[in-house]
């Protein structure tokens, strides 16, 4: 099964089991907009809780806010979004499809990386245990040729994006002989810039309504509240402000399911530091955020850093944490050193003094900022992509979502063996005991085997089976999702077992190592 086929199966699975639905589907849907179903919203909320607890609870110098989506339009002038929040777009004249020019080139670059890895894989198979991968990569002529062409193309793309040279971007696409994925032709238009912000009106009557924007990021709500939080919380630098919230971008090239959408949710933290110390903190937050990802147990090799060659206008350092999705390594989180650009510009545009008086140095200054920004929806897709597995068993097969137990939508399913003899009543007793602390369900329909399979498919870590012996000695069978092993335990032991398996403490301990 190819990765593309696997991804299609995952999308179908998400709809069938109540994770993610196309928005407004009864009206044929709305492109690049999705609704979270009963399982998806639980998973999403658990991811947000994991992030919030790791950032705000585990760090004494980080606090949270919830800023409004609507903001004064001058905010977006100060941030640079009105003038510079654009994507370079190109159309194929035959298919009438529109693409981001840089994404077309990045996809070509990714294909060159795949070619290199295939050469390495063939050599590893040919030479076996004696294979020296580092030497092979360095000396193999074919790899050297591919890498040189790839690096030259990447350099040209970065230079064109830095110079905002749209003609150079088109020329690079033509030189690389990139074709439209739909039509297979190279019949391209010129590259044009397209602003991504959604406009709307605010006011009681249309004639007097003013233009405002749906926020394209949550960070600016933190920056404009810097003084409010610092003074009311008596915060001392270094300190951070965290926020989870919706953002909106008019993505023309929205694709890959929920990876790139027009309405999405961000988890961002802006960390304010003394100028000159930003690179030290940039390194700290790179390491901390990578530990947060790797604590989920999907494998360290599934993640990598990708340092930016082209920096945003506000940054002096930037890196992405990329995850190996079914469609390749893609960004799930960005860590940026934003300098004093945001606070400085808001001070200039608002006419307010936005500075911090440092009692240690006895001076006032505009703090520098380290940003960590992660997409909630991309994290949902990351978890589902890594968790989805099809297993062939001895006499059966199953689809299982190996979602990390602390993030699982349902923590425990309580299953009475039959719908009589007092077993449903005992099952309800167990549900009532656990439901104050965990999301617990009860299921009486179909055979116990089919009920196990349904819970495997939604990622439930523990199934508790109530049988006739339970009525005699108040013991139940606990069945574990990943191993399918079963153990007989006392009902009174269930809370501690569930906490041990599904609690977030183990994740937090791995982060703080």
Protein backbone atom coordinates (compact mmCIF):
# COMPACT_ATOMS: atom_id res chain seq x y z
CA UNK A 1 0.00 0.00 0.00
CA UNK A 2 1.45 3.38 -1.03
CA UNK A 3 1.56 6.36 1.30
CA UNK A 4 -1.03 8.09 -0.90
CA UNK A 5 -3.41 5.12 -0.56
CA UNK A 6 -2.80 5.06 3.19
CA UNK A 7 -3.63 8.77 3.45
CA UNK A 8 -6.90 8.28 1.54
CA UNK A 9 -7.85 5.46 3.92
CA UNK A 10 -7.08 7.70 6.91
CA UNK A 11 -9.34 10.47 5.56
CA UNK A 12 -12.19 7.98 5.04
CA UNK A 13 -11.60 6.54 8.53
CA UNK A 14 -11.81 10.02 10.09
CA UNK A 15 -15.27 10.54 8.62
CA UNK A 16 -16.57 7.02 9.34
CA UNK A 17 -15.63 7.13 13.02
CA UNK A 18 -16.63 10.70 13.85
CA UNK A 19 -13.28 12.50 13.85
CA UNK A 20 -13.53 14.99 10.97
CA UNK A 21 -16.33 15.88 8.54
CA UNK A 22 -16.37 18.17 5.49
CA UNK A 23 -18.05 21.41 6.56
CA UNK A 24 -21.62 22.00 5.29
CA UNK A 25 -21.51 18.63 3.57
CA UNK A 26 -25.27 18.47 2.92
CA UNK A 27 -24.73 21.56 0.71
CA UNK A 28 -21.79 19.89 -1.07
CA UNK A 29 -19.27 21.29 1.39
CA UNK A 30 -16.99 24.32 1.54
CA UNK A 31 -13.48 23.93 0.18
CA UNK A 32 -10.70 23.64 2.78
CA UNK A 33 -13.07 23.97 5.75
CA UNK A 34 -13.76 21.05 8.09
CA UNK A 35 -15.83 20.26 11.18
CA UNK A 36 -14.60 18.14 14.08
CA UNK A 37 -16.93 15.32 15.06
CA UNK A 38 -17.52 13.75 18.45
CA UNK A 39 -14.18 11.91 18.47
CA UNK A 40 -12.20 14.63 16.73
CA UNK A 41 -13.17 17.35 19.19
CA UNK A 42 -12.08 15.20 22.13
CA UNK A 43 -8.71 14.51 20.49
CA UNK A 44 -8.31 18.19 19.64
CA UNK A 45 -9.13 19.29 23.18
CA UNK A 46 -6.67 16.76 24.62
CA UNK A 47 -3.90 18.07 22.35
CA UNK A 48 -4.67 21.62 23.45
CA UNK A 49 -4.62 20.53 27.09
CA UNK A 50 -1.26 18.79 26.60
CA UNK A 51 0.20 21.96 25.08
CA UNK A 52 -1.34 24.33 27.63
CA UNK A 53 -0.23 22.30 30.62
CA UNK A 54 3.30 21.88 29.21
CA UNK A 55 3.66 25.59 28.51
CA UNK A 56 1.69 27.38 31.22
CA UNK A 57 1.61 24.91 34.12
CA UNK A 58 5.16 23.58 33.84
CA UNK A 59 6.73 27.03 33.39
CA UNK A 60 6.24 29.43 36.28
CA UNK A 61 7.08 32.45 34.12
CA UNK A 62 4.46 31.81 31.41
CA UNK A 63 0.83 32.92 31.67
CA UNK A 64 -2.09 32.65 29.27
CA UNK A 65 -4.59 35.02 27.69
CA UNK A 66 -7.49 34.80 25.24
CA UNK A 67 -7.52 37.81 22.91
CA UNK A 68 -10.41 38.75 20.61
CA UNK A 69 -10.48 37.69 16.97
CA UNK A 70 -11.51 41.19 15.87
CA UNK A 71 -8.77 43.78 16.31
CA UNK A 72 -8.26 47.40 15.29
CA UNK A 73 -7.20 47.46 11.61
CA UNK A 74 -4.09 49.48 12.48
CA UNK A 75 -2.79 46.38 14.29
CA UNK A 76 -2.35 44.67 10.92
CA UNK A 77 -0.67 47.71 9.38
CA UNK A 78 1.83 47.76 12.25
CA UNK A 79 2.48 44.02 11.98
CA UNK A 80 3.14 44.24 8.24
CA UNK A 81 0.25 42.00 7.24
CA UNK A 82 -1.61 44.63 5.21
CA UNK A 83 1.41 45.35 3.03
CA UNK A 84 3.33 42.10 3.01
CA UNK A 85 1.12 39.11 3.91
CA UNK A 86 1.11 37.65 0.42
CA UNK A 87 1.60 34.35 -1.38
CA UNK A 88 3.25 34.11 -4.82
CA UNK A 89 0.65 32.37 -7.01
CA UNK A 90 0.88 30.91 -10.49
CA UNK A 91 -1.86 29.46 -12.74
CA UNK A 92 -1.70 26.64 -15.23
CA UNK A 93 -3.54 27.80 -18.36
CA UNK A 94 -4.64 24.31 -19.34
CA UNK A 95 -5.98 22.95 -16.05
CA UNK A 96 -7.10 26.41 -14.79
CA UNK A 97 -5.62 25.40 -11.41
CA UNK A 98 -3.76 27.85 -9.18
CA UNK A 99 -0.66 26.97 -7.17
CA UNK A 100 1.77 28.61 -4.81
CA UNK A 101 4.95 29.05 -6.82
CA UNK A 102 7.23 28.32 -3.86
CA UNK A 103 5.27 25.14 -3.00
CA UNK A 104 5.68 23.83 -6.56
CA UNK A 105 9.43 24.34 -6.25
CA UNK A 106 9.55 22.85 -2.73
CA UNK A 107 7.72 19.76 -4.02
CA UNK A 108 10.37 19.45 -6.75
CA UNK A 109 13.11 19.76 -4.11
CA UNK A 110 11.43 17.04 -2.03
CA UNK A 111 11.45 14.73 -5.06
CA UNK A 112 15.22 15.23 -5.38
CA UNK A 113 15.62 14.29 -1.71
CA UNK A 114 13.59 11.15 -2.37
CA UNK A 115 15.87 10.25 -5.30
CA UNK A 116 18.90 10.54 -3.03
CA UNK A 117 17.30 8.36 -0.36
CA UNK A 118 16.45 5.71 -2.98
CA UNK A 119 20.09 5.62 -4.10
CA UNK A 120 21.17 5.20 -0.48
CA UNK A 121 18.59 2.45 0.12
CA UNK A 122 19.75 0.51 -2.97
CA UNK A 123 23.37 0.77 -1.86
CA UNK A 124 22.54 -0.32 1.68
CA UNK A 125 20.82 -3.40 0.29
CA UNK A 126 23.74 -4.14 -2.03
CA UNK A 127 26.58 -3.76 0.49
CA UNK A 128 24.82 -5.02 3.63
CA UNK A 129 26.64 -4.71 6.94
CA UNK A 130 29.75 -3.21 5.34
CA UNK A 131 27.82 -0.19 4.05
CA UNK A 132 29.32 3.19 5.02
CA UNK A 133 26.40 5.53 4.43
CA UNK A 134 28.25 8.78 5.19
CA UNK A 135 31.06 7.91 2.77
CA UNK A 136 28.59 6.82 0.10
CA UNK A 137 26.65 10.09 0.33
CA UNK A 138 29.89 12.03 0.07
CA UNK A 139 31.50 10.18 -2.84
CA UNK A 140 28.71 8.76 -5.03
CA UNK A 141 28.59 10.59 -8.35
CA UNK A 142 24.86 10.19 -8.93
CA UNK A 143 24.03 11.60 -5.48
CA UNK A 144 26.49 14.44 -6.00
CA UNK A 145 24.83 15.36 -9.28
CA UNK A 146 21.29 15.33 -7.82
CA UNK A 147 22.37 17.27 -4.72
CA UNK A 148 24.18 19.94 -6.71
CA UNK A 149 21.13 20.56 -8.91
CA UNK A 150 18.86 20.55 -5.86
CA UNK A 151 21.02 22.98 -3.89
CA UNK A 152 21.30 25.38 -6.82
CA UNK A 153 17.50 25.39 -7.27
CA UNK A 154 16.96 25.94 -3.56
CA UNK A 155 19.42 28.87 -3.57
CA UNK A 156 17.64 30.46 -6.53
CA UNK A 157 14.25 30.07 -4.85
CA UNK A 158 15.44 31.61 -1.58
CA UNK A 159 17.04 34.50 -3.45
CA UNK A 160 13.90 35.14 -5.51
CA UNK A 161 11.66 35.07 -2.43
CA UNK A 162 14.04 37.35 -0.52
CA UNK A 163 14.13 39.85 -3.40
CA UNK A 164 10.39 39.43 -4.09
CA UNK A 165 11.43 38.69 -7.67
CA UNK A 166 8.33 37.07 -9.17
CA UNK A 167 9.83 36.81 -12.64
CA UNK A 168 12.77 34.83 -11.22
CA UNK A 169 10.33 32.42 -9.53
CA UNK A 170 8.58 31.76 -12.84
CA UNK A 171 11.91 31.33 -14.62
CA UNK A 172 13.00 28.77 -12.04
CA UNK A 173 9.76 26.81 -12.50
CA UNK A 174 10.36 26.78 -16.24
CA UNK A 175 14.05 25.85 -15.90
CA UNK A 176 13.17 22.92 -13.63
CA UNK A 177 10.51 21.85 -16.16
CA UNK A 178 7.88 21.61 -13.43
CA UNK A 179 4.53 20.47 -14.79
CA UNK A 180 1.01 20.97 -13.48
CA UNK A 181 -0.03 17.88 -11.45
CA UNK A 182 -3.46 17.98 -13.13
CA UNK A 183 -2.81 18.75 -16.80
CA UNK A 184 0.81 17.59 -17.00
CA UNK A 185 1.71 20.71 -19.01
CA UNK A 186 4.16 23.60 -18.46
CA UNK A 187 1.78 26.28 -19.74
CA UNK A 188 2.17 28.74 -16.84
CA UNK A 189 1.01 32.31 -16.28
CA UNK A 190 3.23 34.92 -14.65
CA UNK A 191 3.59 34.75 -10.85
CA UNK A 192 1.41 37.23 -8.92
CA UNK A 193 1.08 38.23 -5.28
CA UNK A 194 -2.18 37.56 -3.41
CA UNK A 195 -3.01 38.91 0.07
CA UNK A 196 -4.27 36.19 2.41
CA UNK A 197 -6.32 38.22 4.89
CA UNK A 198 -10.11 38.01 5.03
CA UNK A 199 -11.84 41.39 5.15
CA UNK A 200 -15.18 42.06 6.83
CA UNK A 201 -17.19 45.08 7.98
CA UNK A 202 -17.92 46.36 11.47
CA UNK A 203 -20.63 48.89 12.29
CA UNK A 204 -24.37 49.14 12.83
CA UNK A 205 -25.24 50.22 9.27
CA UNK A 206 -23.54 49.31 6.03
CA UNK A 207 -22.92 52.94 4.99
CA UNK A 208 -20.90 53.70 8.09
CA UNK A 209 -19.23 50.34 8.47
CA UNK A 210 -15.46 50.20 8.64
CA UNK A 211 -13.20 47.51 7.18
CA UNK A 212 -11.56 45.14 9.64
CA UNK A 213 -9.81 41.81 9.21
CA UNK A 214 -10.24 38.33 10.55
CA UNK A 215 -6.92 37.77 12.29
CA UNK A 216 -4.43 35.74 10.22
CA UNK A 217 -2.46 34.81 13.37
CA UNK A 218 -2.97 34.95 17.13
CA UNK A 219 0.41 36.49 17.98
CA UNK A 220 -0.64 40.13 17.60
CA UNK A 221 -3.28 39.75 20.32
CA UNK A 222 -0.39 38.91 22.66
CA UNK A 223 1.80 41.82 21.57
CA UNK A 224 -0.88 44.49 21.99
CA UNK A 225 -1.56 43.13 25.50
CA UNK A 226 2.09 43.03 26.54
CA UNK A 227 1.85 45.97 28.96
CA UNK A 228 -1.53 44.85 30.35
CA UNK A 229 -0.19 41.41 31.24
CA UNK A 230 3.21 42.61 32.43
CA UNK A 231 1.82 45.25 34.77
CA UNK A 232 -1.23 43.39 36.08
CA UNK A 233 0.77 40.20 36.65
CA UNK A 234 3.92 42.00 37.86
CA UNK A 235 5.85 39.88 35.39
CA UNK A 236 9.64 40.03 35.27
CA UNK A 237 11.62 39.40 32.12
CA UNK A 238 12.13 36.74 30.89
CA UNK A 239 8.46 35.75 30.76
CA UNK A 240 6.00 34.38 28.24
CA UNK A 241 2.38 34.83 27.21
CA UNK A 242 0.53 31.85 25.71
CA UNK A 243 -2.69 31.71 23.73
CA UNK A 244 -4.84 29.20 21.86
CA UNK A 245 -7.21 30.60 19.27
CA UNK A 246 -8.69 30.64 15.79
CA UNK A 247 -7.01 32.29 12.83
CA UNK A 248 -8.10 32.75 9.23
CA UNK A 249 -6.21 32.82 5.95
CA UNK A 250 -7.67 32.93 2.46
CA UNK A 251 -5.51 30.05 1.27
CA UNK A 252 -5.86 29.63 -2.47
CA UNK A 253 -3.86 26.41 -2.44
CA UNK A 254 -5.53 24.69 0.51
CA UNK A 255 -4.85 20.96 0.35
CA UNK A 256 -3.82 17.75 2.08
CA UNK A 257 -6.97 17.42 4.19
CA UNK A 258 -6.67 19.49 7.39
CA UNK A 259 -2.98 20.29 6.86
CA UNK A 260 -3.73 23.63 5.19
CA UNK A 261 -7.14 25.20 5.83
CA UNK A 262 -8.79 28.59 5.66
CA UNK A 263 -10.05 28.47 9.25
CA UNK A 264 -7.64 26.89 11.70
CA UNK A 265 -6.47 27.01 15.29
CA UNK A 266 -3.08 27.99 16.65
CA UNK A 267 -1.24 27.43 19.92
CA UNK A 268 1.28 30.24 20.29
CA UNK A 269 3.63 31.46 22.99
CA UNK A 270 5.59 34.70 22.83
CA UNK A 271 8.56 34.76 25.21
CA UNK A 272 9.94 38.21 26.07
CA UNK A 273 13.66 38.45 26.75
CA UNK A 274 16.45 40.97 27.27
CA UNK A 275 18.03 42.12 23.97
CA UNK A 276 21.23 40.19 23.38
CA UNK A 277 19.92 37.04 25.07
CA UNK A 278 17.51 36.04 22.31
CA UNK A 279 19.72 33.37 20.71
CA UNK A 280 20.21 31.62 24.05
CA UNK A 281 16.45 31.45 24.54
CA UNK A 282 15.91 30.52 20.88
CA UNK A 283 18.07 27.43 21.48
CA UNK A 284 16.21 26.65 24.72
CA UNK A 285 12.78 26.74 23.12
CA UNK A 286 13.91 24.69 20.11
CA UNK A 287 15.01 21.90 22.44
CA UNK A 288 11.97 22.18 24.74
CA UNK A 289 9.45 22.07 21.92
CA UNK A 290 11.16 19.10 20.25
CA UNK A 291 11.01 17.18 23.54
CA UNK A 292 7.27 17.97 23.71
CA UNK A 293 6.76 16.33 20.32
CA UNK A 294 9.01 13.36 20.90
CA UNK A 295 7.42 12.59 24.28
CA UNK A 296 4.39 11.29 22.32
CA UNK A 297 6.45 8.26 21.33
CA UNK A 298 6.05 8.23 17.55
CA UNK A 299 9.81 7.84 17.07
CA UNK A 300 12.57 10.45 17.12
CA UNK A 301 13.31 9.77 13.43
CA UNK A 302 9.83 11.07 12.54
CA UNK A 303 10.89 14.63 13.40
CA UNK A 304 13.54 16.99 12.15
CA UNK A 305 14.49 20.67 12.33
CA UNK A 306 14.43 22.73 9.14
CA UNK A 307 16.29 26.01 9.54
CA UNK A 308 15.00 28.90 7.42
CA UNK A 309 17.31 30.34 4.78
CA UNK A 310 14.83 33.07 3.88
CA UNK A 311 13.83 34.87 7.07
CA UNK A 312 10.59 36.79 7.57
CA UNK A 313 10.91 40.56 7.78
CA UNK A 314 10.64 40.46 11.59
CA UNK A 315 13.06 37.59 12.35
CA UNK A 316 16.79 37.12 12.93
CA UNK A 317 16.52 33.31 13.33
CA UNK A 318 13.86 30.75 12.51
CA UNK A 319 13.43 26.99 12.36
CA UNK A 320 10.57 24.59 11.77
CA UNK A 321 9.87 21.30 13.48
CA UNK A 322 8.83 19.01 10.66
CA UNK A 323 6.99 15.69 10.95
CA UNK A 324 7.09 12.86 8.43
CA UNK A 325 3.47 12.83 7.21
CA UNK A 326 2.28 10.33 4.58
CA UNK A 327 3.00 13.10 2.05
CA UNK A 328 6.53 13.78 3.36
CA UNK A 329 8.23 15.94 5.97
CA UNK A 330 6.15 19.07 6.56
CA UNK A 331 6.07 21.82 9.16
CA UNK A 332 3.97 21.38 12.30
CA UNK A 333 5.62 24.06 14.45
CA UNK A 334 7.72 27.16 13.96
CA UNK A 335 10.19 28.66 16.43
CA UNK A 336 11.19 32.22 15.57
CA UNK A 337 13.36 34.94 17.04
CA UNK A 338 11.18 37.95 16.20
CA UNK A 339 13.58 40.61 17.58
CA UNK A 340 11.78 43.76 18.82
CA UNK A 341 9.92 44.24 15.55
CA UNK A 342 6.37 43.71 16.82
CA UNK A 343 6.51 45.71 20.05
CA UNK A 344 8.55 48.42 18.35
CA UNK A 345 6.11 48.78 15.46
CA UNK A 346 3.06 48.80 17.73
CA UNK A 347 4.70 51.55 19.79
CA UNK A 348 5.32 53.56 16.61
CA UNK A 349 1.84 53.07 15.11
CA UNK A 350 -0.08 53.56 18.38
CA UNK A 351 2.01 56.39 19.79
CA UNK A 352 2.26 54.52 23.11
CA UNK A 353 5.47 53.72 24.94
CA UNK A 354 5.78 49.92 25.01
CA UNK A 355 8.88 49.19 27.04
CA UNK A 356 10.00 47.25 30.08
CA UNK A 357 11.94 48.77 32.99
CA UNK A 358 14.53 46.22 34.04
CA UNK A 359 15.37 46.61 37.77
CA UNK A 360 18.51 44.52 37.32
CA UNK A 361 20.07 46.79 34.70
CA UNK A 362 18.20 49.95 35.79
CA UNK A 363 17.17 50.73 32.22
CA UNK A 364 14.10 50.66 29.99
CA UNK A 365 14.10 48.78 26.70
CA UNK A 366 11.88 47.13 24.13
CA UNK A 367 12.08 43.37 24.78
CA UNK A 368 13.06 40.87 22.11
CA UNK A 369 10.69 37.97 21.47
CA UNK A 370 11.05 34.23 20.90
CA UNK A 371 7.91 32.71 19.39
CA UNK A 372 6.73 29.12 19.39
CA UNK A 373 3.75 28.62 17.07
CA UNK A 374 2.03 25.30 16.39
CA UNK A 375 -1.08 24.46 14.42
CA UNK A 376 -3.66 22.50 16.39
CA UNK A 377 -5.14 21.00 13.24
CA UNK A 378 -1.74 19.92 11.97
CA UNK A 379 -1.09 18.28 15.33
CA UNK A 380 -4.40 16.40 15.02
CA UNK A 381 -3.34 15.22 11.55
CA UNK A 382 0.12 14.30 12.85
CA UNK A 383 -1.32 12.17 15.66
CA UNK A 384 -3.84 10.45 13.39
CA UNK A 385 -1.25 9.83 10.65
CA UNK A 386 1.20 8.28 13.09
CA UNK A 387 -1.49 6.31 14.95
CA UNK A 388 -3.37 4.72 12.02
CA UNK A 389 -2.40 1.08 11.48
CA UNK A 390 -3.88 -1.93 9.73
CA UNK A 391 -2.88 -5.17 11.43
CA UNK A 392 -3.20 -8.73 10.24
CA UNK A 393 -3.84 -10.99 13.23
CA UNK A 394 -3.71 -14.78 13.44
CA UNK A 395 -7.36 -15.31 12.51
CA UNK A 396 -8.53 -11.78 11.92
CA UNK A 397 -7.47 -8.24 11.01
CA UNK A 398 -8.08 -4.90 12.63
CA UNK A 399 -7.69 -1.18 12.07
CA UNK A 400 -6.27 0.42 15.19
CA UNK A 401 -5.48 4.01 16.10
CA UNK A 402 -2.46 3.87 18.40
CA UNK A 403 -3.13 7.36 19.71
CA UNK A 404 -0.99 8.14 22.77
CA UNK A 405 -3.27 7.17 25.67
CA UNK A 406 -3.27 10.65 27.31
CA UNK A 407 -4.59 12.13 24.05
CA UNK A 408 -7.14 9.42 23.22
CA UNK A 409 -10.72 10.72 22.75
CA UNK A 410 -12.20 7.95 24.91
CA UNK A 411 -10.05 6.67 27.76
CA UNK A 412 -12.16 3.67 28.83
CA UNK A 413 -14.98 1.66 27.26
CA UNK A 414 -17.02 -0.37 29.75
CA UNK A 415 -18.54 -3.44 28.09
CA UNK A 416 -21.07 -5.72 29.79
CA UNK A 417 -20.69 -9.20 28.31
CA UNK A 418 -24.47 -9.57 27.88
CA UNK A 419 -27.45 -7.22 28.21
CA UNK A 420 -29.01 -9.01 31.18
CA UNK A 421 -28.36 -10.65 34.55
CA UNK A 422 -27.35 -7.36 36.18
CA UNK A 423 -24.24 -6.87 34.04
CA UNK A 424 -25.42 -3.57 32.45
CA UNK A 425 -26.16 -2.23 35.94
CA UNK A 426 -22.65 -3.06 37.15
CA UNK A 427 -21.20 -1.51 33.99
CA UNK A 428 -23.10 1.71 34.75
CA UNK A 429 -21.70 1.66 38.27
CA UNK A 430 -18.16 1.57 36.85
CA UNK A 431 -18.93 4.35 34.34
CA UNK A 432 -20.31 6.51 37.16
CA UNK A 433 -17.15 5.88 39.20
CA UNK A 434 -14.79 6.95 36.40
CA UNK A 435 -16.69 9.61 34.47
CA UNK A 436 -15.81 12.51 36.78
CA UNK A 437 -12.14 12.18 35.79
CA UNK A 438 -12.16 10.56 32.35
CA UNK A 439 -14.16 10.36 29.15
CA UNK A 440 -15.80 6.93 29.54
CA UNK A 441 -18.32 5.17 27.30
CA UNK A 442 -20.44 2.04 27.62
CA UNK A 443 -21.38 -0.23 24.73
CA UNK A 444 -23.79 -3.18 24.81
CA UNK A 445 -24.39 -3.83 21.09
CA UNK A 446 -22.87 -6.76 19.13
CA UNK A 447 -20.38 -9.39 20.22
CA UNK A 448 -17.54 -8.48 22.56
CA UNK A 449 -15.07 -8.97 19.69
CA UNK A 450 -16.85 -6.44 17.47
CA UNK A 451 -16.96 -3.98 20.36
CA UNK A 452 -13.21 -4.38 20.86
CA UNK A 453 -12.67 -3.63 17.15
CA UNK A 454 -14.84 -0.50 17.28
CA UNK A 455 -12.82 0.81 20.20
CA UNK A 456 -9.54 -0.07 18.49
CA UNK A 457 -10.69 2.00 15.52
CA UNK A 458 -11.22 5.14 17.65
CA UNK A 459 -8.09 4.59 19.73
CA UNK A 460 -9.59 3.68 23.12
CA UNK A 461 -6.63 2.53 25.27
CA UNK A 462 -8.60 0.39 27.76
CA UNK A 463 -11.70 -1.77 27.51
CA UNK A 464 -13.26 -3.06 30.73
CA UNK A 465 -15.40 -6.18 30.34
CA UNK A 466 -18.02 -6.97 32.97
CA UNK A 467 -18.98 -10.67 33.10
CA UNK A 468 -20.81 -13.00 35.46
CA UNK A 469 -17.72 -13.47 37.61
CA UNK A 470 -17.79 -9.73 38.21
CA UNK A 471 -21.04 -10.15 40.11
CA UNK A 472 -19.43 -12.74 42.39
CA UNK A 473 -16.06 -11.17 43.27
CA UNK A 474 -16.21 -7.59 41.87
CA UNK A 475 -13.39 -8.17 39.42
CA UNK A 476 -13.35 -7.23 35.73
CA UNK A 477 -11.19 -7.90 32.68
CA UNK A 478 -9.09 -4.98 31.45
CA UNK A 479 -8.07 -5.32 27.81
CA UNK A 480 -5.20 -3.15 26.49
CA UNK A 481 -5.53 -1.71 22.98
CA UNK A 482 -1.94 -1.97 21.77
CA UNK A 483 -1.03 -5.45 23.01
CA UNK A 484 -4.58 -6.86 23.24
CA UNK A 485 -3.45 -8.43 26.51
CA UNK A 486 -6.07 -8.91 29.21
CA UNK A 487 -5.73 -8.80 32.98
CA UNK A 488 -8.16 -9.52 35.79
CA UNK A 489 -8.35 -6.71 38.33
CA UNK A 490 -10.57 -5.55 41.16
CA UNK A 491 -13.06 -2.82 40.35
CA UNK A 492 -11.61 -0.65 43.11
CA UNK A 493 -8.22 -0.73 41.33
CA UNK A 494 -9.59 0.72 38.08
CA UNK A 495 -9.05 4.45 38.87
CA UNK A 496 -5.34 3.97 39.56
CA UNK A 497 -4.90 1.74 36.47
CA UNK A 498 -6.65 4.26 34.21
CA UNK A 499 -4.56 7.11 35.61
CA UNK A 500 -1.34 5.17 35.18
CA UNK A 501 -2.12 4.43 31.53
CA UNK A 502 -3.83 7.65 30.41
CA UNK A 503 -2.45 10.38 32.69
CA UNK A 504 -0.21 13.09 31.23
CA UNK A 505 2.42 12.92 33.99
CA UNK A 506 4.58 10.49 32.02
CA UNK A 507 4.59 12.87 29.04
CA UNK A 508 5.54 15.83 31.21
CA UNK A 509 8.39 13.91 32.85
CA UNK A 510 9.84 13.17 29.41
CA UNK A 511 9.65 16.85 28.49
CA UNK A 512 11.48 17.95 31.65
CA UNK A 513 14.30 15.40 31.37
